[in-house]
Amino acid sequence: MNKWFKNIGPGALVAAAFIGPGTVTLCTLAGVKFGYQLLWAMTLSTIATVVLQEMAARVGIITQKGLATVIKEQITSPILKKFAITLILSAIVIGNAAYEAGNISGASLGITAILGTPSFNFYPIIIGVVAFILLYIGNYKILERSLIALVIIMSISFLLTAIITKPNLELMIKGMFIPSFPENSLLTIIGLIGTTVVPYNLFLHASLVKEKWKQQSDLKFARKDTFISIIFGGIVSMAIIIAATAINGQEVNNAADLAKGLTPLYGRFAKYFLGIGLFAAGITSAITAPLAAAYVANSCFGWNANLKSSRFRIVWFFILLLGVVFSSLQFNPIEIIKFAQVANGFLLPIIALFLLWVVNKTAVLGKYKNKLGQNIISGIIILITIVLGFKSILKVFELL
């Protein structure tokens, strides 16, 4: 057990980042509205996350550089290089700002479940201050691990709840492997993909693995860490959907409604347990999202900055501030979280295409570049995300 904890790596942080408020919220909504029918979206998302995060980790370990740095170095045309940097920065800033608002809103939902709704919504400000202090000091490892532990406890709870609800195994297996598109489900599907395959996690993973592993031979450890962590995260997400089918047909507007998914296991204490879990998930993700944005800016601009550099701090502070502002506006936090996941679904194809291009270059990875099978799987994943993103854009215009 001690050896397992010693070797636990960035994969666990990536899993903890995507098992955040967005996952709990979107998976609950999917279960309530569509039962088992959208489980296939989580199967697809889990496979996509494993494939893409493995590629990102491979780039980080073999090159010992950040993903944005590698992309920038491989573009020879100055015009195209500036265009790529602008595109990556825009995608990460927009995506992380939306995602950060979702993280802070989710953590606020958690506090609301425990303490109730205040006359003035100051919870996002408190959460922002806590995240600011942890990021500014830079010594947040112990707290982060304890928060991840809380998320794991919540994850185990959903797994147990999913079992207690005695799901229909035939419908569950069918839902996991046979795609279906129930009426008005498209944006939820995009959201489920966005809450699992998080674009900023690709940059964060590439930056973190090179801190833990320095040798090319360590790639096997990184792969094992990635596979186990991501697959566990996918199973937990599916468990949330399955547990939420028990509250099928009811409206979900707040944390108390979300907590109904845990009622079979925790009874009247469900909302308090979910509140703690949402707060933990929100704070954990509220730290990693600004951090990832700072790593990307560091790579794009070639700053060679560290956690305590003023430039590094300015970037994460900007993302954190945007998250607090958007979360503090008088919008339904459930809607903010949903928007964040849909935004990520749009941005994913852009980042994934850059990643696929890099991992096919011999100059970057040598003998570790993508094989034909990996390219086929990656290409299918990216094609699916592009098609779904295009369809969702058309859906939005239809709504307008």
Protein backbone atom coordinates (compact mmCIF):
# COMPACT_ATOMS: atom_id res chain seq x y z
CA MET A 1 0.00 0.00 0.00
CA ASN A 2 2.84 2.40 0.88
CA LYS A 3 4.52 1.63 -2.45
CA TRP A 4 1.23 2.33 -4.28
CA PHE A 5 0.83 5.72 -2.56
CA LYS A 6 4.48 6.56 -3.25
CA ASN A 7 4.06 5.86 -6.96
CA ILE A 8 0.75 7.64 -7.31
CA GLY A 9 1.28 10.34 -9.87
CA PRO A 10 -0.30 13.10 -11.95
CA GLY A 11 -2.96 10.69 -13.24
CA ALA A 12 -4.65 10.84 -9.84
CA LEU A 13 -4.61 14.65 -9.95
CA VAL A 14 -6.10 14.59 -13.44
CA ALA A 15 -8.85 12.24 -12.25
CA ALA A 16 -9.49 14.42 -9.18
CA ALA A 17 -9.68 17.47 -11.46
CA PHE A 18 -12.35 15.96 -13.72
CA ILE A 19 -14.32 14.38 -10.86
CA GLY A 20 -15.30 17.88 -9.85
CA PRO A 21 -18.60 19.72 -9.41
CA GLY A 22 -19.18 19.54 -13.16
CA THR A 23 -19.01 15.76 -13.17
CA VAL A 24 -21.36 15.40 -10.20
CA THR A 25 -23.82 17.90 -11.67
CA LEU A 26 -23.80 16.77 -15.32
CA CYS A 27 -23.88 13.06 -14.49
CA THR A 28 -26.75 13.60 -12.06
CA LEU A 29 -28.70 15.58 -14.65
CA ALA A 30 -28.01 12.89 -17.26
CA GLY A 31 -29.30 10.17 -14.94
CA VAL A 32 -32.38 12.13 -13.87
CA LYS A 33 -33.42 13.14 -17.39
CA PHE A 34 -32.30 10.21 -19.51
CA GLY A 35 -31.75 7.24 -17.18
CA TYR A 36 -29.11 4.81 -18.50
CA GLN A 37 -29.33 6.06 -22.09
CA LEU A 38 -26.27 8.34 -21.95
CA LEU A 39 -23.90 5.94 -20.20
CA TRP A 40 -22.28 5.37 -23.61
CA ALA A 41 -21.11 9.00 -23.56
CA MET A 42 -19.13 8.25 -20.40
CA THR A 43 -17.68 5.07 -21.94
CA LEU A 44 -16.55 7.12 -24.95
CA SER A 45 -15.26 9.93 -22.72
CA THR A 46 -13.24 7.56 -20.54
CA ILE A 47 -11.58 5.91 -23.55
CA ALA A 48 -10.89 9.32 -25.09
CA THR A 49 -9.39 10.62 -21.84
CA VAL A 50 -7.09 7.61 -21.46
CA VAL A 51 -5.86 7.93 -25.05
CA LEU A 52 -5.33 11.71 -25.02
CA GLN A 53 -3.84 11.92 -21.51
CA GLU A 54 -1.42 9.09 -22.31
CA MET A 55 -0.21 11.05 -25.34
CA ALA A 56 0.20 14.21 -23.27
CA ALA A 57 2.11 12.31 -20.57
CA ARG A 58 4.34 10.73 -23.23
CA VAL A 59 5.22 14.16 -24.63
CA GLY A 60 6.07 15.46 -21.14
CA ILE A 61 8.30 12.52 -20.14
CA ILE A 62 10.16 12.03 -23.44
CA THR A 63 10.79 15.73 -24.14
CA GLN A 64 10.91 16.95 -20.51
CA LYS A 65 9.02 20.01 -21.75
CA GLY A 66 5.50 21.39 -21.48
CA LEU A 67 3.01 20.61 -24.26
CA ALA A 68 2.67 24.26 -25.34
CA THR A 69 6.47 24.59 -25.55
CA VAL A 70 6.73 21.52 -27.81
CA ILE A 71 3.93 22.75 -30.09
CA LYS A 72 5.56 26.16 -30.37
CA GLU A 73 8.97 24.70 -31.17
CA GLN A 74 7.61 22.49 -33.96
CA ILE A 75 5.99 25.34 -35.91
CA THR A 76 8.61 26.97 -38.13
CA SER A 77 6.52 29.73 -39.71
CA PRO A 78 6.51 32.86 -37.49
CA ILE A 79 2.96 33.74 -38.57
CA LEU A 80 1.62 30.24 -37.93
CA LYS A 81 3.49 30.13 -34.62
CA LYS A 82 1.84 33.34 -33.43
CA PHE A 83 -1.53 32.08 -34.64
CA ALA A 84 -1.10 28.76 -32.79
CA ILE A 85 0.02 30.47 -29.57
CA THR A 86 -2.93 32.87 -29.73
CA LEU A 87 -5.32 29.98 -30.39
CA ILE A 88 -3.97 27.88 -27.51
CA LEU A 89 -3.95 30.80 -25.09
CA SER A 90 -7.48 31.80 -26.10
CA ALA A 91 -8.77 28.25 -25.76
CA ILE A 92 -7.18 27.74 -22.35
CA VAL A 93 -8.15 31.17 -20.98
CA ILE A 94 -11.77 30.94 -22.19
CA GLY A 95 -12.10 27.29 -21.23
CA ASN A 96 -10.44 27.68 -17.83
CA ALA A 97 -12.39 30.83 -16.98
CA ALA A 98 -15.65 28.97 -17.67
CA TYR A 99 -14.39 25.86 -15.92
CA GLU A 100 -13.18 27.90 -12.93
CA ALA A 101 -16.62 29.50 -12.60
CA GLY A 102 -18.07 25.99 -12.56
CA ASN A 103 -15.56 24.87 -9.92
CA ILE A 104 -16.29 27.80 -7.63
CA SER A 105 -20.04 27.51 -8.21
CA GLY A 106 -19.84 23.83 -7.34
CA ALA A 107 -17.93 24.52 -4.14
CA SER A 108 -20.53 27.22 -3.34
CA LEU A 109 -23.28 24.66 -3.86
CA GLY A 110 -21.51 22.47 -1.32
CA ILE A 111 -21.40 25.23 1.30
CA THR A 112 -25.03 26.10 0.57
CA ALA A 113 -26.06 22.49 1.21
CA ILE A 114 -24.41 22.62 4.64
CA LEU A 115 -25.04 26.20 5.80
CA GLY A 116 -28.03 27.27 3.72
CA THR A 117 -28.50 30.13 1.27
CA PRO A 118 -27.31 33.56 2.51
CA SER A 119 -29.09 36.83 1.72
CA PHE A 120 -25.97 37.91 -0.17
CA ASN A 121 -24.04 35.27 -2.11
CA PHE A 122 -20.55 35.76 -0.68
CA TYR A 123 -19.54 32.09 -0.87
CA PRO A 124 -17.69 32.46 -4.24
CA ILE A 125 -15.57 35.26 -2.74
CA ILE A 126 -14.63 33.12 0.27
CA ILE A 127 -13.72 30.19 -1.99
CA GLY A 128 -11.72 32.51 -4.25
CA VAL A 129 -9.77 33.86 -1.26
CA VAL A 130 -9.00 30.34 -0.01
CA ALA A 131 -7.81 29.25 -3.47
CA PHE A 132 -5.76 32.47 -3.78
CA ILE A 133 -3.97 31.86 -0.48
CA LEU A 134 -3.18 28.24 -1.35
CA LEU A 135 -1.87 29.17 -4.81
CA TYR A 136 0.09 32.20 -3.55
CA ILE A 137 1.87 30.30 -0.79
CA GLY A 138 2.48 27.38 -3.13
CA ASN A 139 2.51 24.91 -0.21
CA TYR A 140 -0.85 23.26 -0.80
CA LYS A 141 0.20 19.62 -1.30
CA ILE A 142 -1.07 18.32 2.03
CA LEU A 143 -4.41 20.10 1.73
CA GLU A 144 -4.76 19.02 -1.88
CA ARG A 145 -4.20 15.37 -0.93
CA SER A 146 -6.77 15.62 1.86
CA LEU A 147 -9.27 17.15 -0.56
CA ILE A 148 -8.60 14.39 -3.07
CA ALA A 149 -9.23 11.91 -0.25
CA LEU A 150 -12.63 13.54 0.34
CA VAL A 151 -13.44 13.27 -3.35
CA ILE A 152 -12.45 9.59 -3.27
CA ILE A 153 -14.75 9.03 -0.28
CA MET A 154 -17.58 10.68 -2.20
CA SER A 155 -16.73 8.53 -5.21
CA ILE A 156 -16.94 5.35 -3.16
CA SER A 157 -20.29 6.56 -1.84
CA PHE A 158 -21.68 6.91 -5.36
CA LEU A 159 -20.38 3.46 -6.25
CA LEU A 160 -22.13 1.96 -3.21
CA THR A 161 -25.30 3.95 -3.92
CA ALA A 162 -25.34 2.73 -7.53
CA ILE A 163 -25.24 -0.85 -6.22
CA ILE A 164 -27.93 -0.20 -3.59
CA THR A 165 -30.35 1.18 -6.21
CA LYS A 166 -30.25 -2.29 -7.87
CA PRO A 167 -29.85 -1.09 -11.46
CA ASN A 168 -31.33 -2.94 -14.40
CA LEU A 169 -28.16 -4.69 -15.64
CA GLU A 170 -29.49 -5.28 -19.16
CA LEU A 171 -30.45 -1.61 -19.67
CA MET A 172 -27.22 -0.48 -17.99
CA ILE A 173 -24.96 -2.54 -20.27
CA LYS A 174 -27.00 -1.49 -23.30
CA GLY A 175 -26.66 2.15 -22.27
CA MET A 176 -22.89 1.78 -21.83
CA PHE A 177 -22.14 0.43 -25.29
CA ILE A 178 -25.00 1.37 -27.63
CA PRO A 179 -25.12 5.09 -28.51
CA SER A 180 -28.51 6.79 -28.42
CA PHE A 181 -29.59 10.41 -28.75
CA PRO A 182 -32.82 11.00 -26.82
CA GLU A 183 -34.68 14.24 -27.52
CA ASN A 184 -32.90 17.33 -26.11
CA SER A 185 -29.89 15.28 -25.03
CA LEU A 186 -27.21 16.71 -27.34
CA LEU A 187 -25.92 19.47 -25.05
CA THR A 188 -25.88 17.02 -22.13
CA ILE A 189 -23.77 14.61 -24.21
CA ILE A 190 -21.34 17.42 -25.08
CA GLY A 191 -21.27 18.35 -21.40
CA LEU A 192 -20.46 14.78 -20.31
CA ILE A 193 -17.56 14.70 -22.76
CA GLY A 194 -16.42 18.17 -21.65
CA THR A 195 -16.51 17.31 -17.96
CA THR A 196 -14.29 14.24 -18.51
CA VAL A 197 -11.93 15.07 -21.38
CA VAL A 198 -10.82 18.44 -20.02
CA PRO A 199 -8.53 20.35 -22.45
CA TYR A 200 -6.47 22.04 -19.76
CA ASN A 201 -5.68 18.66 -18.17
CA LEU A 202 -3.64 17.76 -21.26
CA PHE A 203 -1.28 20.69 -20.61
CA LEU A 204 -1.28 20.14 -16.86
CA HIS A 205 -0.47 16.42 -17.24
CA ALA A 206 2.46 17.06 -19.60
CA SER A 207 3.88 19.63 -17.17
CA LEU A 208 3.46 17.49 -14.03
CA VAL A 209 4.83 14.16 -15.33
CA LYS A 210 8.23 15.69 -16.09
CA GLU A 211 8.47 16.81 -12.47
CA LYS A 212 7.89 13.26 -11.18
CA TRP A 213 9.60 11.15 -13.86
CA LYS A 214 12.89 12.05 -15.58
CA GLN A 215 13.81 8.91 -17.55
CA GLN A 216 12.26 7.55 -20.74
CA SER A 217 12.07 4.17 -19.02
CA ASP A 218 9.64 5.73 -16.53
CA LEU A 219 7.01 5.93 -19.25
CA LYS A 220 5.57 2.58 -18.15
CA PHE A 221 4.89 3.97 -14.67
CA ALA A 222 3.18 7.04 -16.11
CA ARG A 223 1.00 4.87 -18.36
CA LYS A 224 -0.04 2.61 -15.47
CA ASP A 225 -0.81 5.68 -13.34
CA THR A 226 -2.88 7.20 -16.16
CA PHE A 227 -4.84 4.06 -17.04
CA ILE A 228 -5.79 3.14 -13.47
CA SER A 229 -6.69 6.70 -12.40
CA ILE A 230 -8.73 7.64 -15.48
CA ILE A 231 -10.62 4.34 -15.68
CA PHE A 232 -11.51 4.61 -11.99
CA GLY A 233 -12.73 8.16 -12.60
CA GLY A 234 -14.87 6.98 -15.52
CA ILE A 235 -16.44 4.22 -13.43
CA VAL A 236 -17.29 6.73 -10.70
CA SER A 237 -18.92 9.05 -13.24
CA MET A 238 -21.04 6.17 -14.52
CA ALA A 239 -21.98 5.30 -10.94
CA ILE A 240 -23.28 8.86 -10.44
CA ILE A 241 -25.49 8.51 -13.53
CA ILE A 242 -26.77 5.14 -12.34
CA ALA A 243 -27.45 6.44 -8.82
CA ALA A 244 -29.29 9.47 -10.26
CA THR A 245 -31.75 7.26 -12.14
CA ALA A 246 -33.35 6.61 -8.74
CA ILE A 247 -34.57 10.24 -8.74
CA ASN A 248 -35.80 10.05 -12.34
CA GLY A 249 -38.47 12.55 -13.33
CA GLN A 250 -37.67 15.23 -10.75
CA GLU A 251 -36.24 18.71 -11.31
CA VAL A 252 -32.64 19.34 -10.23
CA ASN A 253 -32.01 22.99 -9.37
CA ASN A 254 -29.78 22.95 -6.30
CA ALA A 255 -27.48 20.87 -4.12
CA ALA A 256 -30.39 19.42 -2.15
CA ASP A 257 -31.81 18.01 -5.39
CA LEU A 258 -28.39 16.61 -6.35
CA ALA A 259 -28.12 14.98 -2.93
CA LYS A 260 -31.19 12.85 -3.65
CA GLY A 261 -28.87 10.57 -5.57
CA LEU A 262 -27.13 9.70 -2.29
CA THR A 263 -30.30 9.36 -0.22
CA PRO A 264 -30.48 5.53 -0.50
CA LEU A 265 -27.12 5.33 1.31
CA TYR A 266 -27.08 8.34 3.66
CA GLY A 267 -30.74 9.18 4.22
CA ARG A 268 -31.33 12.67 5.63
CA PHE A 269 -27.56 13.23 5.98
CA ALA A 270 -27.08 12.93 2.19
CA LYS A 271 -27.11 16.68 1.55
CA TYR A 272 -24.39 17.28 4.14
CA PHE A 273 -22.19 14.56 2.72
CA LEU A 274 -22.70 15.81 -0.83
CA GLY A 275 -22.00 19.35 0.40
CA ILE A 276 -18.60 18.33 1.77
CA GLY A 277 -17.83 16.37 -1.39
CA LEU A 278 -18.83 19.21 -3.73
CA PHE A 279 -16.77 21.69 -1.70
CA ALA A 280 -13.74 19.39 -1.80
CA ALA A 281 -14.17 18.72 -5.52
CA GLY A 282 -14.63 22.42 -6.23
CA ILE A 283 -11.60 23.61 -4.27
CA THR A 284 -9.35 20.92 -5.75
CA SER A 285 -10.35 21.86 -9.29
CA ALA A 286 -10.28 25.59 -8.47
CA ILE A 287 -6.57 25.19 -7.72
CA THR A 288 -5.61 23.06 -10.72
CA ALA A 289 -7.43 25.11 -13.40
CA PRO A 290 -5.57 28.43 -12.79
CA LEU A 291 -2.34 26.48 -12.31
CA ALA A 292 -2.73 24.83 -15.72
CA ALA A 293 -3.40 28.21 -17.37
CA ALA A 294 -0.23 29.60 -15.80
CA TYR A 295 1.80 26.62 -17.07
CA VAL A 296 0.44 27.18 -20.59
CA ALA A 297 1.24 30.92 -20.55
CA ASN A 298 4.69 30.09 -19.17
CA SER A 299 5.33 27.75 -22.10
CA CYS A 300 3.80 29.97 -24.79
CA PHE A 301 5.78 33.05 -23.80
CA GLY A 302 8.98 31.19 -22.83
CA TRP A 303 9.13 32.78 -19.39
CA ASN A 304 10.84 29.88 -17.58
CA ALA A 305 8.94 31.06 -14.49
CA ASN A 306 8.24 29.11 -11.30
CA LEU A 307 5.27 28.94 -8.91
CA LYS A 308 6.38 32.07 -7.06
CA SER A 309 7.23 34.22 -10.09
CA SER A 310 5.13 37.37 -10.50
CA ARG A 311 4.22 36.54 -14.12
CA PHE A 312 3.09 33.06 -13.15
CA ARG A 313 0.97 34.48 -10.31
CA ILE A 314 -0.61 37.15 -12.53
CA VAL A 315 -1.93 34.48 -14.94
CA TRP A 316 -3.49 32.22 -12.31
CA PHE A 317 -4.88 35.23 -10.45
CA PHE A 318 -6.59 36.44 -13.65
CA ILE A 319 -8.26 33.05 -14.19
CA LEU A 320 -9.25 32.82 -10.52
CA LEU A 321 -10.70 36.36 -10.59
CA LEU A 322 -12.76 35.61 -13.71
CA GLY A 323 -14.07 32.46 -12.05
CA VAL A 324 -15.12 34.37 -8.92
CA VAL A 325 -16.79 37.15 -10.95
CA PHE A 326 -18.74 34.78 -13.21
CA SER A 327 -19.73 32.61 -10.25
CA SER A 328 -20.88 35.67 -8.24
CA LEU A 329 -23.27 36.87 -10.95
CA GLN A 330 -26.91 36.09 -10.33
CA PHE A 331 -27.10 32.94 -12.42
CA ASN A 332 -28.23 29.49 -11.44
CA PRO A 333 -24.97 27.69 -10.44
CA ILE A 334 -26.23 24.53 -12.12
CA GLU A 335 -26.43 26.46 -15.42
CA ILE A 336 -22.90 27.89 -14.97
CA ILE A 337 -21.52 24.41 -14.43
CA LYS A 338 -23.37 23.10 -17.50
CA PHE A 339 -22.02 25.98 -19.63
CA ALA A 340 -18.45 25.27 -18.48
CA GLN A 341 -18.65 21.65 -19.60
CA VAL A 342 -20.20 22.56 -22.98
CA ALA A 343 -17.46 25.18 -23.53
CA ASN A 344 -14.84 22.50 -22.87
CA GLY A 345 -16.58 20.24 -25.38
CA PHE A 346 -16.12 22.94 -28.04
CA LEU A 347 -12.45 23.55 -27.22
CA LEU A 348 -11.40 19.90 -27.05
CA PRO A 349 -11.04 19.25 -30.83
CA ILE A 350 -8.69 22.25 -31.22
CA ILE A 351 -6.30 21.11 -28.49
CA ALA A 352 -6.57 17.42 -29.45
CA LEU A 353 -5.57 18.19 -33.06
CA PHE A 354 -2.43 20.01 -31.88
CA LEU A 355 -1.58 17.07 -29.60
CA LEU A 356 -2.11 14.49 -32.35
CA TRP A 357 0.14 16.45 -34.70
CA VAL A 358 2.97 16.62 -32.15
CA VAL A 359 2.92 12.94 -31.13
CA ASN A 360 3.36 11.92 -34.78
CA LYS A 361 6.64 13.82 -35.21
CA THR A 362 9.81 11.73 -35.06
CA ALA A 363 11.77 14.87 -34.19
CA VAL A 364 9.78 15.14 -30.96
CA LEU A 365 9.25 11.58 -29.72
CA GLY A 366 11.57 9.44 -31.85
CA LYS A 367 10.67 5.76 -31.44
CA TYR A 368 7.93 6.74 -28.97
CA LYS A 369 5.81 8.51 -31.57
CA ASN A 370 2.28 7.27 -32.30
CA LYS A 371 1.73 3.91 -33.94
CA LEU A 372 -0.92 3.36 -36.63
CA GLY A 373 -3.43 1.90 -34.16
CA GLN A 374 -3.03 4.86 -31.82
CA ASN A 375 -3.58 7.28 -34.71
CA ILE A 376 -6.75 5.48 -35.81
CA ILE A 377 -8.24 5.57 -32.31
CA SER A 378 -7.17 9.20 -31.78
CA GLY A 379 -8.54 10.22 -35.18
CA ILE A 380 -11.91 8.61 -34.48
CA ILE A 381 -12.10 10.34 -31.09
CA ILE A 382 -11.28 13.76 -32.56
CA LEU A 383 -13.72 13.24 -35.45
CA ILE A 384 -16.51 12.39 -33.00
CA THR A 385 -15.80 15.50 -30.90
CA ILE A 386 -15.80 17.69 -34.03
CA VAL A 387 -19.11 16.27 -35.26
CA LEU A 388 -20.74 16.62 -31.83
CA GLY A 389 -19.38 20.14 -31.43
CA PHE A 390 -20.69 21.17 -34.87
CA LYS A 391 -24.10 19.65 -34.14
CA SER A 392 -24.28 21.43 -30.80
CA ILE A 393 -23.49 24.78 -32.46
CA LEU A 394 -26.37 24.20 -34.86
CA LYS A 395 -28.52 23.26 -31.87
CA VAL A 396 -27.69 26.55 -30.14
CA PHE A 397 -28.57 28.54 -33.27
CA GLU A 398 -31.85 26.67 -33.52
CA LEU A 399 -32.60 27.64 -29.92
CA LEU A 400 -31.82 31.27 -30.76
